[in-house]
Amino acid sequence: TIRFIDEEKKIARLGFVIVDDGRRGKGYGKQLVLSALK
């Protein structure tokens, strides 16, 4: 999830970050986070 944490909507916060437990350690977490940042 992504939510704004300031009134100006210039700062966002990631939450509830999770990857399929059967796919961990294969780079999917990094891809997920980088996609969320983009």
Full PDB file with SEQRES, HELIX, SHEET, SSBOND, CRYST1, ORIGX, SCALE, CONECT and MASTER records, all heavy atoms in Angstrom:
SEQRES   1 A   38  THR ILE ARG PHE ILE ASP GLU GLU LYS LYS ILE ALA ARG          
SEQRES   2 A   38  LEU GLY PHE VAL ILE VAL ASP ASP GLY ARG ARG GLY LYS          
SEQRES   3 A   38  GLY TYR GLY LYS GLN LEU VAL LEU SER ALA LEU LYS              
HELIX    1 AA1 ASP A   21  ARG A   23  5                                   3    
HELIX    2 AA2 TYR A   28  LEU A   37  1                                  10    
SHEET    1 AA1 2 ILE A   2  PHE A   4  0                                        
SHEET    2 AA1 2 ALA A  12  LEU A  14 -1                                        
CRYST1    1.000    1.000    1.000  90.00  90.00  90.00 P 1           1          
ORIGX1      1.000000  0.000000  0.000000        0.00000                         
ORIGX2      0.000000  1.000000  0.000000        0.00000                         
ORIGX3      0.000000  0.000000  1.000000        0.00000                         
SCALE1      1.000000  0.000000  0.000000        0.00000                         
SCALE2      0.000000  1.000000  0.000000        0.00000                         
SCALE3      0.000000  0.000000  1.000000        0.00000                         
ATOM      1  N   THR A   1       0.848  -1.188   0.000  1.00  0.00           N  
ATOM      2  CA  THR A   1       0.000   0.000   0.000  1.00  0.00           C  
ATOM      3  C   THR A   1       0.885   1.240   0.000  1.00  0.00           C  
ATOM      4  O   THR A   1       2.050   1.191   0.412  1.00  0.00           O  
ATOM      5  CB  THR A   1      -0.920   0.047   1.238  1.00  0.00           C  
ATOM      6  OG1 THR A   1      -0.121   0.111   2.423  1.00  0.00           O  
ATOM      7  CG2 THR A   1      -1.850  -1.152   1.292  1.00  0.00           C  
ATOM      8  N   ILE A   2       0.300   2.329  -0.475  1.00  0.00           N  
ATOM      9  CA  ILE A   2       0.950   3.632  -0.430  1.00  0.00           C  
ATOM     10  C   ILE A   2      -0.082   4.621   0.086  1.00  0.00           C  
ATOM     11  O   ILE A   2      -1.232   4.610  -0.371  1.00  0.00           O  
ATOM     12  CB  ILE A   2       1.438   4.095  -1.823  1.00  0.00           C  
ATOM     13  CG1 ILE A   2       2.388   3.070  -2.449  1.00  0.00           C  
ATOM     14  CG2 ILE A   2       2.100   5.470  -1.723  1.00  0.00           C  
ATOM     15  CD1 ILE A   2       2.805   3.399  -3.884  1.00  0.00           C  
ATOM     16  N   ARG A   3       0.328   5.437   1.037  1.00  0.00           N  
ATOM     17  CA  ARG A   3      -0.570   6.474   1.538  1.00  0.00           C  
ATOM     18  C   ARG A   3       0.219   7.756   1.752  1.00  0.00           C  
ATOM     19  O   ARG A   3       1.423   7.725   1.978  1.00  0.00           O  
ATOM     20  CB  ARG A   3      -1.262   6.051   2.834  1.00  0.00           C  
ATOM     21  CG  ARG A   3      -0.314   5.831   3.993  1.00  0.00           C  
ATOM     22  CD  ARG A   3      -1.054   5.354   5.251  1.00  0.00           C  
ATOM     23  NE  ARG A   3      -0.128   4.921   6.266  1.00  0.00           N  
ATOM     24  CZ  ARG A   3       0.414   5.703   7.197  1.00  0.00           C  
ATOM     25  NH1 ARG A   3       0.095   6.983   7.243  1.00  0.00           N  
ATOM     26  NH2 ARG A   3       1.259   5.219   8.083  1.00  0.00           N  
ATOM     27  N   PHE A   4      -0.481   8.880   1.633  1.00  0.00           N  
ATOM     28  CA  PHE A   4       0.145  10.169   1.900  1.00  0.00           C  
ATOM     29  C   PHE A   4       0.222  10.375   3.406  1.00  0.00           C  
ATOM     30  O   PHE A   4      -0.688   9.987   4.137  1.00  0.00           O  
ATOM     31  CB  PHE A   4      -0.663  11.312   1.278  1.00  0.00           C  
ATOM     32  CG  PHE A   4      -0.690  11.280  -0.215  1.00  0.00           C  
ATOM     33  CD1 PHE A   4      -1.857  10.991  -0.897  1.00  0.00           C  
ATOM     34  CD2 PHE A   4       0.459  11.537  -0.954  1.00  0.00           C  
ATOM     35  CE1 PHE A   4      -1.884  10.961  -2.286  1.00  0.00           C  
ATOM     36  CE2 PHE A   4       0.440  11.506  -2.342  1.00  0.00           C  
ATOM     37  CZ  PHE A   4      -0.738  11.218  -3.007  1.00  0.00           C  
ATOM     38  N   ILE A   5       1.309  10.991   3.868  1.00  0.00           N  
ATOM     39  CA  ILE A   5       1.438  11.251   5.306  1.00  0.00           C  
ATOM     40  C   ILE A   5       1.569  12.736   5.614  1.00  0.00           C  
ATOM     41  O   ILE A   5       1.835  13.103   6.760  1.00  0.00           O  
ATOM     42  CB  ILE A   5       2.595  10.449   5.936  1.00  0.00           C  
ATOM     43  CG1 ILE A   5       3.938  10.791   5.303  1.00  0.00           C  
ATOM     44  CG2 ILE A   5       2.310   8.957   5.850  1.00  0.00           C  
ATOM     45  CD1 ILE A   5       5.134  10.184   6.038  1.00  0.00           C  
ATOM     46  N   ASP A   6       1.353  13.577   4.597  1.00  0.00           N  
ATOM     47  CA  ASP A   6       1.383  15.018   4.829  1.00  0.00           C  
ATOM     48  C   ASP A   6       0.232  15.668   4.055  1.00  0.00           C  
ATOM     49  O   ASP A   6      -0.275  15.105   3.088  1.00  0.00           O  
ATOM     50  CB  ASP A   6       2.729  15.619   4.400  1.00  0.00           C  
ATOM     51  CG  ASP A   6       2.960  15.531   2.904  1.00  0.00           C  
ATOM     52  OD1 ASP A   6       2.539  14.520   2.283  1.00  0.00           O  
ATOM     53  OD2 ASP A   6       3.539  16.459   2.334  1.00  0.00           O  
ATOM     54  N   GLU A   7      -0.178  16.829   4.505  1.00  0.00           N  
ATOM     55  CA  GLU A   7      -1.315  17.513   3.882  1.00  0.00           C  
ATOM     56  C   GLU A   7      -1.033  17.939   2.446  1.00  0.00           C  
ATOM     57  O   GLU A   7      -1.936  17.974   1.610  1.00  0.00           O  
ATOM     58  CB  GLU A   7      -1.732  18.725   4.716  1.00  0.00           C  
ATOM     59  CG  GLU A   7      -2.426  18.336   5.997  1.00  0.00           C  
ATOM     60  CD  GLU A   7      -2.962  19.537   6.755  1.00  0.00           C  
ATOM     61  OE1 GLU A   7      -3.228  20.582   6.135  1.00  0.00           O  
ATOM     62  OE2 GLU A   7      -3.120  19.415   7.982  1.00  0.00           O  
ATOM     63  N   GLU A   8       0.211  18.262   2.138  1.00  0.00           N  
ATOM     64  CA  GLU A   8       0.572  18.705   0.792  1.00  0.00           C  
ATOM     65  C   GLU A   8       0.666  17.553  -0.204  1.00  0.00           C  
ATOM     66  O   GLU A   8       0.851  17.759  -1.392  1.00  0.00           O  
ATOM     67  CB  GLU A   8       1.909  19.467   0.817  1.00  0.00           C  
ATOM     68  CG  GLU A   8       1.878  20.747   1.623  1.00  0.00           C  
ATOM     69  CD  GLU A   8       2.043  20.499   3.129  1.00  0.00           C  
ATOM     70  OE1 GLU A   8       2.645  19.471   3.520  1.00  0.00           O  
ATOM     71  OE2 GLU A   8       1.537  21.323   3.898  1.00  0.00           O  
ATOM     72  N   LYS A   9       0.600  16.337   0.300  1.00  0.00           N  
ATOM     73  CA  LYS A   9       0.697  15.122  -0.520  1.00  0.00           C  
ATOM     74  C   LYS A   9       2.020  15.059  -1.277  1.00  0.00           C  
ATOM     75  O   LYS A   9       2.071  14.722  -2.453  1.00  0.00           O  
ATOM     76  CB  LYS A   9      -0.497  15.001  -1.458  1.00  0.00           C  
ATOM     77  CG  LYS A   9      -1.802  14.833  -0.702  1.00  0.00           C  
ATOM     78  CD  LYS A   9      -2.956  14.563  -1.621  1.00  0.00           C  
ATOM     79  CE  LYS A   9      -4.190  14.296  -0.777  1.00  0.00           C  
ATOM     80  NZ  LYS A   9      -5.332  13.920  -1.579  1.00  0.00           N  
ATOM     81  N   LYS A  10       3.097  15.366  -0.560  1.00  0.00           N  
ATOM     82  CA  LYS A  10       4.436  15.296  -1.137  1.00  0.00           C  
ATOM     83  C   LYS A  10       5.278  14.183  -0.508  1.00  0.00           C  
ATOM     84  O   LYS A  10       6.383  13.911  -0.955  1.00  0.00           O  
ATOM     85  CB  LYS A  10       5.161  16.642  -0.988  1.00  0.00           C  
ATOM     86  CG  LYS A  10       4.531  17.741  -1.823  1.00  0.00           C  
ATOM     87  CD  LYS A  10       4.630  17.393  -3.287  1.00  0.00           C  
ATOM     88  CE  LYS A  10       4.000  18.420  -4.190  1.00  0.00           C  
ATOM     89  NZ  LYS A  10       3.954  17.968  -5.579  1.00  0.00           N  
ATOM     90  N   ILE A  11       4.747  13.571   0.554  1.00  0.00           N  
ATOM     91  CA  ILE A  11       5.447  12.464   1.219  1.00  0.00           C  
ATOM     92  C   ILE A  11       4.489  11.279   1.293  1.00  0.00           C  
ATOM     93  O   ILE A  11       3.359  11.405   1.757  1.00  0.00           O  
ATOM     94  CB  ILE A  11       5.913  12.846   2.636  1.00  0.00           C  
ATOM     95  CG1 ILE A  11       6.790  14.099   2.604  1.00  0.00           C  
ATOM     96  CG2 ILE A  11       6.669  11.672   3.274  1.00  0.00           C  
ATOM     97  CD1 ILE A  11       7.142  14.635   3.976  1.00  0.00           C  
ATOM     98  N   ALA A  12       4.953  10.141   0.816  1.00  0.00           N  
ATOM     99  CA  ALA A  12       4.142   8.924   0.838  1.00  0.00           C  
ATOM    100  C   ALA A  12       4.818   7.879   1.715  1.00  0.00           C  
ATOM    101  O   ALA A  12       6.026   7.933   1.965  1.00  0.00           O  
ATOM    102  CB  ALA A  12       3.971   8.384  -0.577  1.00  0.00           C  
ATOM    103  N   ARG A  13       4.026   6.934   2.182  1.00  0.00           N  
ATOM    104  CA  ARG A  13       4.535   5.862   3.047  1.00  0.00           C  
ATOM    105  C   ARG A  13       4.104   4.520   2.473  1.00  0.00           C  
ATOM    106  O   ARG A  13       2.934   4.314   2.166  1.00  0.00           O  
ATOM    107  CB  ARG A  13       4.018   6.020   4.464  1.00  0.00           C  
ATOM    108  CG  ARG A  13       4.673   5.056   5.438  1.00  0.00           C  
ATOM    109  CD  ARG A  13       4.516   5.567   6.863  1.00  0.00           C  
ATOM    110  NE  ARG A  13       5.189   4.743   7.846  1.00  0.00           N  
ATOM    111  CZ  ARG A  13       6.434   4.892   8.247  1.00  0.00           C  
ATOM    112  NH1 ARG A  13       7.185   5.851   7.719  1.00  0.00           N  
ATOM    113  NH2 ARG A  13       6.951   4.113   9.165  1.00  0.00           N  
ATOM    114  N   LEU A  14       5.073   3.619   2.341  1.00  0.00           N  
ATOM    115  CA  LEU A  14       4.784   2.250   1.927  1.00  0.00           C  
ATOM    116  C   LEU A  14       4.348   1.449   3.148  1.00  0.00           C  
ATOM    117  O   LEU A  14       4.868   1.645   4.245  1.00  0.00           O  
ATOM    118  CB  LEU A  14       6.013   1.577   1.320  1.00  0.00           C  
ATOM    119  CG  LEU A  14       6.633   2.163   0.066  1.00  0.00           C  
ATOM    120  CD1 LEU A  14       7.756   1.252  -0.429  1.00  0.00           C  
ATOM    121  CD2 LEU A  14       5.609   2.376  -1.021  1.00  0.00           C  
ATOM    122  N   GLY A  15       3.442   0.524   2.928  1.00  0.00           N  
ATOM    123  CA  GLY A  15       3.001  -0.355   3.999  1.00  0.00           C  
ATOM    124  C   GLY A  15       2.564  -1.696   3.445  1.00  0.00           C  
ATOM    125  O   GLY A  15       2.378  -1.866   2.240  1.00  0.00           O  
ATOM    126  N   PHE A  16       2.406  -2.646   4.337  1.00  0.00           N  
ATOM    127  CA  PHE A  16       1.917  -3.989   4.003  1.00  0.00           C  
ATOM    128  C   PHE A  16       2.651  -4.608   2.814  1.00  0.00           C  
ATOM    129  O   PHE A  16       2.047  -5.256   1.961  1.00  0.00           O  
ATOM    130  CB  PHE A  16       0.407  -3.973   3.741  1.00  0.00           C  
ATOM    131  CG  PHE A  16      -0.420  -3.698   4.956  1.00  0.00           C  
ATOM    132  CD1 PHE A  16      -1.234  -2.577   5.021  1.00  0.00           C  
ATOM    133  CD2 PHE A  16      -0.395  -4.550   6.041  1.00  0.00           C  
ATOM    134  CE1 PHE A  16      -2.005  -2.313   6.141  1.00  0.00           C  
ATOM    135  CE2 PHE A  16      -1.160  -4.302   7.174  1.00  0.00           C  
ATOM    136  CZ  PHE A  16      -1.964  -3.184   7.227  1.00  0.00           C  
ATOM    137  N   VAL A  17       3.958  -4.406   2.766  1.00  0.00           N  
ATOM    138  CA  VAL A  17       4.771  -4.932   1.656  1.00  0.00           C  
ATOM    139  C   VAL A  17       4.949  -6.435   1.867  1.00  0.00           C  
ATOM    140  O   VAL A  17       5.410  -6.884   2.917  1.00  0.00           O  
ATOM    141  CB  VAL A  17       6.154  -4.235   1.606  1.00  0.00           C  
ATOM    142  CG1 VAL A  17       6.984  -4.796   0.462  1.00  0.00           C  
ATOM    143  CG2 VAL A  17       5.991  -2.723   1.497  1.00  0.00           C  
ATOM    144  N   ILE A  18       4.570  -7.201   0.843  1.00  0.00           N  
ATOM    145  CA  ILE A  18       4.699  -8.657   0.944  1.00  0.00           C  
ATOM    146  C   ILE A  18       4.874  -9.259  -0.448  1.00  0.00           C  
ATOM    147  O   ILE A  18       4.337  -8.746  -1.424  1.00  0.00           O  
ATOM    148  CB  ILE A  18       3.468  -9.284   1.659  1.00  0.00           C  
ATOM    149  CG1 ILE A  18       3.715 -10.757   1.977  1.00  0.00           C  
ATOM    150  CG2 ILE A  18       2.187  -9.044   0.869  1.00  0.00           C  
ATOM    151  CD1 ILE A  18       2.683 -11.370   2.925  1.00  0.00           C  
ATOM    152  N   VAL A  19       5.650 -10.334  -0.487  1.00  0.00           N  
ATOM    153  CA  VAL A  19       5.852 -11.107  -1.715  1.00  0.00           C  
ATOM    154  C   VAL A  19       5.480 -12.548  -1.399  1.00  0.00           C  
ATOM    155  O   VAL A  19       5.687 -13.030  -0.275  1.00  0.00           O  
ATOM    156  CB  VAL A  19       7.331 -11.013  -2.189  1.00  0.00           C  
ATOM    157  CG1 VAL A  19       7.612 -11.969  -3.330  1.00  0.00           C  
ATOM    158  CG2 VAL A  19       7.660  -9.589  -2.596  1.00  0.00           C  
ATOM    159  N   ASP A  20       4.934 -13.227  -2.364  1.00  0.00           N  
ATOM    160  CA  ASP A  20       4.599 -14.650  -2.252  1.00  0.00           C  
ATOM    161  C   ASP A  20       5.767 -15.368  -1.584  1.00  0.00           C  
ATOM    162  O   ASP A  20       6.907 -15.295  -2.051  1.00  0.00           O  
ATOM    163  CB  ASP A  20       4.345 -15.199  -3.660  1.00  0.00           C  
ATOM    164  CG  ASP A  20       4.085 -16.687  -3.719  1.00  0.00           C  
ATOM    165  OD1 ASP A  20       4.305 -17.409  -2.737  1.00  0.00           O  
ATOM    166  OD2 ASP A  20       3.668 -17.140  -4.799  1.00  0.00           O  
ATOM    167  N   ASP A  21       5.501 -16.038  -0.478  1.00  0.00           N  
ATOM    168  CA  ASP A  21       6.572 -16.674   0.294  1.00  0.00           C  
ATOM    169  C   ASP A  21       7.325 -17.727  -0.516  1.00  0.00           C  
ATOM    170  O   ASP A  21       8.492 -18.003  -0.251  1.00  0.00           O  
ATOM    171  CB  ASP A  21       6.041 -17.261   1.610  1.00  0.00           C  
ATOM    172  CG  ASP A  21       4.950 -18.288   1.421  1.00  0.00           C  
ATOM    173  OD1 ASP A  21       4.040 -18.059   0.591  1.00  0.00           O  
ATOM    174  OD2 ASP A  21       4.988 -19.324   2.095  1.00  0.00           O  
ATOM    175  N   GLY A  22       6.713 -18.296  -1.522  1.00  0.00           N  
ATOM    176  CA  GLY A  22       7.387 -19.275  -2.375  1.00  0.00           C  
ATOM    177  C   GLY A  22       8.314 -18.643  -3.405  1.00  0.00           C  
ATOM    178  O   GLY A  22       9.055 -19.347  -4.081  1.00  0.00           O  
ATOM    179  N   ARG A  23       8.293 -17.325  -3.499  1.00  0.00           N  
ATOM    180  CA  ARG A  23       9.112 -16.621  -4.489  1.00  0.00           C  
ATOM    181  C   ARG A  23      10.168 -15.726  -3.854  1.00  0.00           C  
ATOM    182  O   ARG A  23      10.857 -14.997  -4.553  1.00  0.00           O  
ATOM    183  CB  ARG A  23       8.232 -15.774  -5.398  1.00  0.00           C  
ATOM    184  CG  ARG A  23       7.281 -16.584  -6.231  1.00  0.00           C  
ATOM    185  CD  ARG A  23       6.372 -15.656  -6.991  1.00  0.00           C  
ATOM    186  NE  ARG A  23       5.343 -16.382  -7.673  1.00  0.00           N  
ATOM    187  CZ  ARG A  23       5.347 -16.641  -8.976  1.00  0.00           C  
ATOM    188  NH1 ARG A  23       6.332 -16.237  -9.730  1.00  0.00           N  
ATOM    189  NH2 ARG A  23       4.367 -17.295  -9.527  1.00  0.00           N  
ATOM    190  N   ARG A  24      10.269 -15.751  -2.546  1.00  0.00           N  
ATOM    191  CA  ARG A  24      11.230 -14.866  -1.879  1.00  0.00           C  
ATOM    192  C   ARG A  24      12.653 -15.301  -2.207  1.00  0.00           C  
ATOM    193  O   ARG A  24      12.928 -16.464  -2.476  1.00  0.00           O  
ATOM    194  CB  ARG A  24      10.985 -14.871  -0.375  1.00  0.00           C  
ATOM    195  CG  ARG A  24       9.674 -14.180  -0.064  1.00  0.00           C  
ATOM    196  CD  ARG A  24       9.447 -13.950   1.397  1.00  0.00           C  
ATOM    197  NE  ARG A  24       8.077 -13.474   1.565  1.00  0.00           N  
ATOM    198  CZ  ARG A  24       7.293 -13.801   2.550  1.00  0.00           C  
ATOM    199  NH1 ARG A  24       7.726 -14.592   3.502  1.00  0.00           N  
ATOM    200  NH2 ARG A  24       6.075 -13.315   2.615  1.00  0.00           N  
ATOM    201  N   GLY A  25      13.550 -14.314  -2.181  1.00  0.00           N  
ATOM    202  CA  GLY A  25      14.951 -14.585  -2.479  1.00  0.00           C  
ATOM    203  C   GLY A  25      15.267 -14.612  -3.961  1.00  0.00           C  
ATOM    204  O   GLY A  25      16.364 -14.983  -4.359  1.00  0.00           O  
ATOM    205  N   LYS A  26      14.307 -14.210  -4.805  1.00  0.00           N  
ATOM    206  CA  LYS A  26      14.497 -14.254  -6.258  1.00  0.00           C  
ATOM    207  C   LYS A  26      14.447 -12.870  -6.896  1.00  0.00           C  
ATOM    208  O   LYS A  26      14.354 -12.758  -8.112  1.00  0.00           O  
ATOM    209  CB  LYS A  26      13.439 -15.156  -6.886  1.00  0.00           C  
ATOM    210  CG  LYS A  26      13.529 -16.592  -6.394  1.00  0.00           C  
ATOM    211  CD  LYS A  26      12.446 -17.454  -6.977  1.00  0.00           C  
ATOM    212  CE  LYS A  26      12.567 -18.868  -6.407  1.00  0.00           C  
ATOM    213  NZ  LYS A  26      11.486 -19.719  -6.858  1.00  0.00           N  
ATOM    214  N   GLY A  27      14.481 -11.821  -6.063  1.00  0.00           N  
ATOM    215  CA  GLY A  27      14.494 -10.468  -6.602  1.00  0.00           C  
ATOM    216  C   GLY A  27      13.126  -9.826  -6.780  1.00  0.00           C  
ATOM    217  O   GLY A  27      13.028  -8.667  -7.186  1.00  0.00           O  
ATOM    218  N   TYR A  28      12.065 -10.562  -6.497  1.00  0.00           N  
ATOM    219  CA  TYR A  28      10.730  -9.996  -6.666  1.00  0.00           C  
ATOM    220  C   TYR A  28      10.448  -8.862  -5.677  1.00  0.00           C  
ATOM    221  O   TYR A  28       9.766  -7.894  -6.013  1.00  0.00           O  
ATOM    222  CB  TYR A  28       9.647 -11.076  -6.527  1.00  0.00           C  
ATOM    223  CG  TYR A  28       9.544 -11.971  -7.741  1.00  0.00           C  
ATOM    224  CD1 TYR A  28      10.033 -13.280  -7.701  1.00  0.00           C  
ATOM    225  CD2 TYR A  28       8.953 -11.518  -8.916  1.00  0.00           C  
ATOM    226  CE1 TYR A  28       9.944 -14.108  -8.812  1.00  0.00           C  
ATOM    227  CE2 TYR A  28       8.860 -12.336 -10.029  1.00  0.00           C  
ATOM    228  CZ  TYR A  28       9.346 -13.631  -9.967  1.00  0.00           C  
ATOM    229  OH  TYR A  28       9.260 -14.441 -11.072  1.00  0.00           O  
ATOM    230  N   GLY A  29      10.952  -8.976  -4.461  1.00  0.00           N  
ATOM    231  CA  GLY A  29      10.750  -7.913  -3.473  1.00  0.00           C  
ATOM    232  C   GLY A  29      11.353  -6.610  -3.952  1.00  0.00           C  
ATOM    233  O   GLY A  29      10.730  -5.550  -3.857  1.00  0.00           O  
ATOM    234  N   LYS A  30      12.555  -6.678  -4.468  1.00  0.00           N  
ATOM    235  CA  LYS A  30      13.212  -5.477  -4.980  1.00  0.00           C  
ATOM    236  C   LYS A  30      12.433  -4.901  -6.162  1.00  0.00           C  
ATOM    237  O   LYS A  30      12.214  -3.685  -6.244  1.00  0.00           O  
ATOM    238  CB  LYS A  30      14.654  -5.793  -5.383  1.00  0.00           C  
ATOM    239  CG  LYS A  30      15.427  -4.571  -5.827  1.00  0.00           C  
ATOM    240  CD  LYS A  30      16.896  -4.887  -6.058  1.00  0.00           C  
ATOM    241  CE  LYS A  30      17.662  -3.624  -6.430  1.00  0.00           C  
ATOM    242  NZ  LYS A  30      19.096  -3.884  -6.554  1.00  0.00           N  
ATOM    243  N   GLN A  31      11.995  -5.758  -7.080  1.00  0.00           N  
ATOM    244  CA  GLN A  31      11.194  -5.292  -8.214  1.00  0.00           C  
ATOM    245  C   GLN A  31       9.905  -4.630  -7.733  1.00  0.00           C  
ATOM    246  O   GLN A  31       9.495  -3.593  -8.267  1.00  0.00           O  
ATOM    247  CB  GLN A  31      10.839  -6.459  -9.140  1.00  0.00           C  
ATOM    248  CG  GLN A  31      11.967  -6.966  -9.981  1.00  0.00           C  
ATOM    249  CD  GLN A  31      11.485  -8.092 -10.885  1.00  0.00           C  
ATOM    250  OE1 GLN A  31      10.526  -7.925 -11.639  1.00  0.00           O  
ATOM    251  NE2 GLN A  31      12.136  -9.240 -10.792  1.00  0.00           N  
ATOM    252  N   LEU A  32       9.271  -5.225  -6.733  1.00  0.00           N  
ATOM    253  CA  LEU A  32       8.030  -4.683  -6.182  1.00  0.00           C  
ATOM    254  C   LEU A  32       8.261  -3.292  -5.604  1.00  0.00           C  
ATOM    255  O   LEU A  32       7.529  -2.343  -5.913  1.00  0.00           O  
ATOM    256  CB  LEU A  32       7.469  -5.621  -5.113  1.00  0.00           C  
ATOM    257  CG  LEU A  32       6.275  -5.116  -4.299  1.00  0.00           C  
ATOM    258  CD1 LEU A  32       5.062  -4.867  -5.189  1.00  0.00           C  
ATOM    259  CD2 LEU A  32       5.943  -6.112  -3.198  1.00  0.00           C  
ATOM    260  N   VAL A  33       9.292  -3.152  -4.791  1.00  0.00           N  
ATOM    261  CA  VAL A  33       9.565  -1.871  -4.135  1.00  0.00           C  
ATOM    262  C   VAL A  33       9.979  -0.816  -5.165  1.00  0.00           C  
ATOM    263  O   VAL A  33       9.507   0.323  -5.115  1.00  0.00           O  
ATOM    264  CB  VAL A  33      10.621  -2.030  -3.023  1.00  0.00           C  
ATOM    265  CG1 VAL A  33      11.041  -0.687  -2.461  1.00  0.00           C  
ATOM    266  CG2 VAL A  33      10.073  -2.923  -1.906  1.00  0.00           C  
ATOM    267  N   LEU A  34      10.824  -1.178  -6.113  1.00  0.00           N  
ATOM    268  CA  LEU A  34      11.228  -0.212  -7.143  1.00  0.00           C  
ATOM    269  C   LEU A  34      10.032   0.217  -7.998  1.00  0.00           C  
ATOM    270  O   LEU A  34       9.900   1.392  -8.368  1.00  0.00           O  
ATOM    271  CB  LEU A  34      12.348  -0.776  -8.013  1.00  0.00           C  
ATOM    272  CG  LEU A  34      13.706  -0.917  -7.326  1.00  0.00           C  
ATOM    273  CD1 LEU A  34      14.700  -1.643  -8.238  1.00  0.00           C  
ATOM    274  CD2 LEU A  34      14.258   0.433  -6.891  1.00  0.00           C  
ATOM    275  N   SER A  35       9.134  -0.709  -8.297  1.00  0.00           N  
ATOM    276  CA  SER A  35       7.918  -0.367  -9.049  1.00  0.00           C  
ATOM    277  C   SER A  35       7.039   0.577  -8.238  1.00  0.00           C  
ATOM    278  O   SER A  35       6.453   1.512  -8.785  1.00  0.00           O  
ATOM    279  CB  SER A  35       7.131  -1.628  -9.408  1.00  0.00           C  
ATOM    280  OG  SER A  35       7.866  -2.432 -10.294  1.00  0.00           O  
ATOM    281  N   ALA A  36       6.947   0.337  -6.940  1.00  0.00           N  
ATOM    282  CA  ALA A  36       6.152   1.214  -6.069  1.00  0.00           C  
ATOM    283  C   ALA A  36       6.768   2.608  -5.992  1.00  0.00           C  
ATOM    284  O   ALA A  36       6.045   3.609  -5.984  1.00  0.00           O  
ATOM    285  CB  ALA A  36       6.038   0.606  -4.674  1.00  0.00           C  
ATOM    286  N   LEU A  37       8.097   2.678  -5.937  1.00  0.00           N  
ATOM    287  CA  LEU A  37       8.761   3.983  -5.922  1.00  0.00           C  
ATOM    288  C   LEU A  37       8.499   4.737  -7.219  1.00  0.00           C  
ATOM    289  O   LEU A  37       8.210   5.938  -7.211  1.00  0.00           O  
ATOM    290  CB  LEU A  37      10.264   3.822  -5.680  1.00  0.00           C  
ATOM    291  CG  LEU A  37      10.665   3.387  -4.282  1.00  0.00           C  
ATOM    292  CD1 LEU A  37      12.162   3.091  -4.216  1.00  0.00           C  
ATOM    293  CD2 LEU A  37      10.274   4.436  -3.249  1.00  0.00           C  
ATOM    294  N   LYS A  38       8.596   4.043  -8.329  1.00  0.00           N  
ATOM    295  CA  LYS A  38       8.309   4.680  -9.621  1.00  0.00           C  
ATOM    296  C   LYS A  38       6.878   5.207  -9.634  1.00  0.00           C  
ATOM    297  O   LYS A  38       6.623   6.336 -10.063  1.00  0.00           O  
ATOM    298  CB  LYS A  38       8.550   3.687 -10.761  1.00  0.00           C  
ATOM    299  CG  LYS A  38       8.310   4.281 -12.141  1.00  0.00           C  
ATOM    300  CD  LYS A  38       8.774   3.338 -13.221  1.00  0.00           C  
ATOM    301  CE  LYS A  38       8.526   3.833 -14.625  1.00  0.00           C  
ATOM    302  NZ  LYS A  38       8.525   5.232 -14.877  1.00  0.00           N  
TER     303      LYS A  38                                                      
MASTER        0    0    0    2    2    0    0    6  302    1    0    3          
END                                                                             
